[in-house]
N, C-alpha and C. Protein backbone atom coordinates (compact mmCIF):
# COMPACT_ATOMS: atom_id res chain seq x y z
N MET A 1 59.55 4.78 25.07
CA MET A 1 59.85 5.04 23.69
C MET A 1 58.92 6.15 23.18
N HIS A 2 59.44 7.02 22.31
CA HIS A 2 58.65 8.12 21.77
C HIS A 2 57.69 7.61 20.71
N PRO A 3 56.49 8.22 20.62
CA PRO A 3 55.54 7.82 19.58
C PRO A 3 56.16 8.03 18.19
N GLY A 4 55.92 7.11 17.28
CA GLY A 4 56.42 7.25 15.93
C GLY A 4 57.86 6.83 15.74
N ARG A 5 58.52 6.36 16.78
CA ARG A 5 59.91 5.95 16.69
C ARG A 5 60.01 4.45 16.81
N GLU A 6 60.83 3.87 15.99
CA GLU A 6 61.14 2.46 16.09
C GLU A 6 62.19 2.26 17.17
N ARG A 7 62.18 1.13 17.82
CA ARG A 7 63.18 0.83 18.85
C ARG A 7 64.56 0.89 18.21
N GLY A 8 65.49 1.62 18.83
CA GLY A 8 66.85 1.73 18.35
C GLY A 8 67.06 2.86 17.35
N GLU A 9 65.98 3.52 16.92
CA GLU A 9 66.12 4.62 15.97
C GLU A 9 66.70 5.83 16.70
N ARG A 10 67.70 6.44 16.11
CA ARG A 10 68.33 7.60 16.73
C ARG A 10 67.95 8.86 15.99
N ARG A 11 67.78 9.92 16.74
CA ARG A 11 67.50 11.24 16.20
C ARG A 11 68.38 12.23 16.92
N LEU A 12 68.83 13.23 16.21
CA LEU A 12 69.66 14.27 16.80
C LEU A 12 69.05 15.63 16.52
N ARG A 13 69.16 16.52 17.48
CA ARG A 13 68.74 17.91 17.30
C ARG A 13 69.80 18.78 17.95
N ARG A 14 70.18 19.81 17.24
CA ARG A 14 71.15 20.76 17.78
C ARG A 14 70.60 22.15 17.52
N SER A 15 70.57 23.00 18.54
CA SER A 15 70.06 24.36 18.41
C SER A 15 71.10 25.35 18.90
N THR A 16 71.07 26.52 18.28
CA THR A 16 71.90 27.62 18.79
C THR A 16 70.96 28.79 19.07
N PHE A 17 71.15 29.41 20.20
CA PHE A 17 70.35 30.56 20.55
C PHE A 17 71.27 31.61 21.14
N CYS A 18 71.24 32.78 20.56
CA CYS A 18 71.98 33.93 21.08
C CYS A 18 71.03 35.12 21.10
N PRO A 19 71.09 35.92 22.15
CA PRO A 19 70.24 37.11 22.17
C PRO A 19 70.49 37.95 20.92
N ASP A 20 69.44 38.54 20.38
CA ASP A 20 69.51 39.41 19.21
C ASP A 20 69.98 38.68 17.95
N ALA A 21 69.83 37.37 17.89
CA ALA A 21 70.18 36.59 16.69
C ALA A 21 69.09 35.54 16.47
N PRO A 22 68.92 35.11 15.22
CA PRO A 22 67.91 34.08 14.96
C PRO A 22 68.29 32.74 15.58
N THR A 23 67.29 31.95 15.96
CA THR A 23 67.54 30.60 16.48
C THR A 23 67.77 29.67 15.30
N GLN A 24 68.90 28.98 15.30
CA GLN A 24 69.26 28.05 14.24
C GLN A 24 69.19 26.64 14.78
N GLU A 25 68.56 25.73 14.00
CA GLU A 25 68.42 24.34 14.44
C GLU A 25 68.70 23.39 13.29
N ILE A 26 69.23 22.23 13.65
CA ILE A 26 69.30 21.11 12.72
C ILE A 26 68.71 19.91 13.43
N PHE A 27 67.87 19.18 12.71
CA PHE A 27 67.23 17.98 13.24
C PHE A 27 67.51 16.85 12.26
N CYS A 28 68.14 15.79 12.73
CA CYS A 28 68.47 14.65 11.87
C CYS A 28 67.83 13.38 12.41
N ASP A 29 67.27 12.58 11.49
CA ASP A 29 66.83 11.23 11.83
C ASP A 29 67.65 10.28 10.96
N ALA A 30 67.23 9.07 10.80
CA ALA A 30 68.03 8.07 10.07
C ALA A 30 68.19 8.42 8.59
N GLU A 31 67.25 9.16 8.03
CA GLU A 31 67.26 9.44 6.59
C GLU A 31 67.68 10.85 6.21
N THR A 32 67.20 11.84 6.96
CA THR A 32 67.29 13.22 6.52
C THR A 32 67.67 14.17 7.66
N CYS A 33 68.37 15.24 7.30
CA CYS A 33 68.60 16.36 8.22
C CYS A 33 67.83 17.56 7.69
N VAL A 34 67.19 18.28 8.59
CA VAL A 34 66.42 19.46 8.23
C VAL A 34 66.96 20.63 9.04
N CYS A 35 67.26 21.73 8.34
CA CYS A 35 67.78 22.94 8.98
C CYS A 35 66.68 23.98 9.04
N SER A 36 66.62 24.71 10.14
CA SER A 36 65.61 25.77 10.25
C SER A 36 66.21 26.98 10.96
N VAL A 37 65.63 28.12 10.63
CA VAL A 37 65.98 29.39 11.27
C VAL A 37 64.68 29.97 11.79
N ASP A 38 64.63 30.21 13.09
CA ASP A 38 63.41 30.71 13.75
C ASP A 38 62.19 29.88 13.38
N GLY A 39 62.36 28.54 13.30
CA GLY A 39 61.26 27.63 13.06
C GLY A 39 60.86 27.46 11.60
N VAL A 40 61.56 28.13 10.67
CA VAL A 40 61.25 28.02 9.25
C VAL A 40 62.33 27.17 8.57
N GLU A 41 61.90 26.11 7.87
CA GLU A 41 62.85 25.23 7.19
C GLU A 41 63.60 26.01 6.10
N VAL A 42 64.95 25.90 6.13
CA VAL A 42 65.77 26.61 5.15
C VAL A 42 66.62 25.67 4.30
N ALA A 43 66.79 24.43 4.73
CA ALA A 43 67.59 23.47 3.97
C ALA A 43 67.26 22.06 4.42
N GLN A 44 67.59 21.09 3.55
CA GLN A 44 67.39 19.68 3.85
C GLN A 44 68.47 18.90 3.10
N CYS A 45 68.99 17.83 3.71
CA CYS A 45 70.02 17.03 3.07
C CYS A 45 69.98 15.61 3.63
N PRO A 46 70.63 14.65 2.96
CA PRO A 46 70.69 13.29 3.47
C PRO A 46 71.44 13.25 4.81
N ALA A 47 71.01 12.38 5.70
CA ALA A 47 71.62 12.29 7.03
C ALA A 47 73.01 11.65 6.99
N ASP A 48 73.27 10.78 6.02
CA ASP A 48 74.59 10.15 5.89
C ASP A 48 75.10 9.55 7.19
N ASN A 49 74.19 8.90 7.94
CA ASN A 49 74.56 8.20 9.17
C ASN A 49 75.10 9.12 10.27
N VAL A 50 74.74 10.38 10.24
CA VAL A 50 75.26 11.35 11.21
C VAL A 50 74.88 10.98 12.65
N CYS A 51 73.75 10.31 12.83
CA CYS A 51 73.30 9.96 14.18
C CYS A 51 74.22 8.95 14.86
N ALA A 52 74.97 8.20 14.09
CA ALA A 52 75.88 7.19 14.64
C ALA A 52 77.29 7.73 14.82
N GLU A 53 77.53 8.97 14.42
CA GLU A 53 78.89 9.50 14.39
C GLU A 53 79.22 10.46 15.53
N GLY A 54 78.39 10.57 16.54
CA GLY A 54 78.70 11.44 17.68
C GLY A 54 78.73 12.91 17.31
N ASP A 55 79.91 13.51 17.33
CA ASP A 55 80.06 14.95 17.08
C ASP A 55 79.95 15.33 15.61
N ALA A 56 79.65 14.41 14.72
CA ALA A 56 79.52 14.71 13.29
C ALA A 56 78.38 15.69 13.02
N ILE A 57 77.49 15.87 13.98
CA ILE A 57 76.38 16.80 13.80
C ILE A 57 76.89 18.22 13.53
N PHE A 58 78.03 18.58 14.10
CA PHE A 58 78.58 19.92 13.89
C PHE A 58 79.06 20.10 12.45
N ASP A 59 79.71 19.09 11.88
CA ASP A 59 80.13 19.15 10.48
C ASP A 59 78.91 19.16 9.56
N LYS A 60 77.90 18.36 9.90
CA LYS A 60 76.68 18.31 9.10
C LYS A 60 75.98 19.66 9.13
N MET A 61 75.97 20.30 10.29
CA MET A 61 75.36 21.62 10.43
C MET A 61 76.04 22.62 9.48
N ALA A 62 77.37 22.55 9.40
CA ALA A 62 78.11 23.47 8.54
C ALA A 62 77.88 23.16 7.06
N SER A 63 77.91 21.87 6.68
CA SER A 63 77.80 21.51 5.26
C SER A 63 76.36 21.58 4.75
N CYS A 64 75.41 21.22 5.56
CA CYS A 64 74.01 21.16 5.11
C CYS A 64 73.32 22.51 5.27
N CYS A 65 73.49 23.12 6.41
CA CYS A 65 72.73 24.33 6.75
C CYS A 65 73.39 25.62 6.29
N LYS A 66 74.70 25.60 6.22
CA LYS A 66 75.48 26.79 5.85
C LYS A 66 75.22 27.95 6.82
N PHE A 67 74.98 27.62 8.09
CA PHE A 67 74.79 28.66 9.10
C PHE A 67 76.09 29.43 9.29
N GLU A 68 75.97 30.72 9.49
CA GLU A 68 77.15 31.55 9.73
C GLU A 68 77.19 32.01 11.16
């Protein structure tokens, strides 16, 4: 088990990396999703149970982060 994590707690991270483009990431835990570009936080929103929804991370990335 990872330090700082409760048993059964889920976390999701999704990153995009393309040459000559900024690295975009979203990290979600049980409460919050945090969006970053090149390691700098650019947005934050409620997780809305995204960790239990499988591919919902892609919709959350679009609605929360507004990445283009």
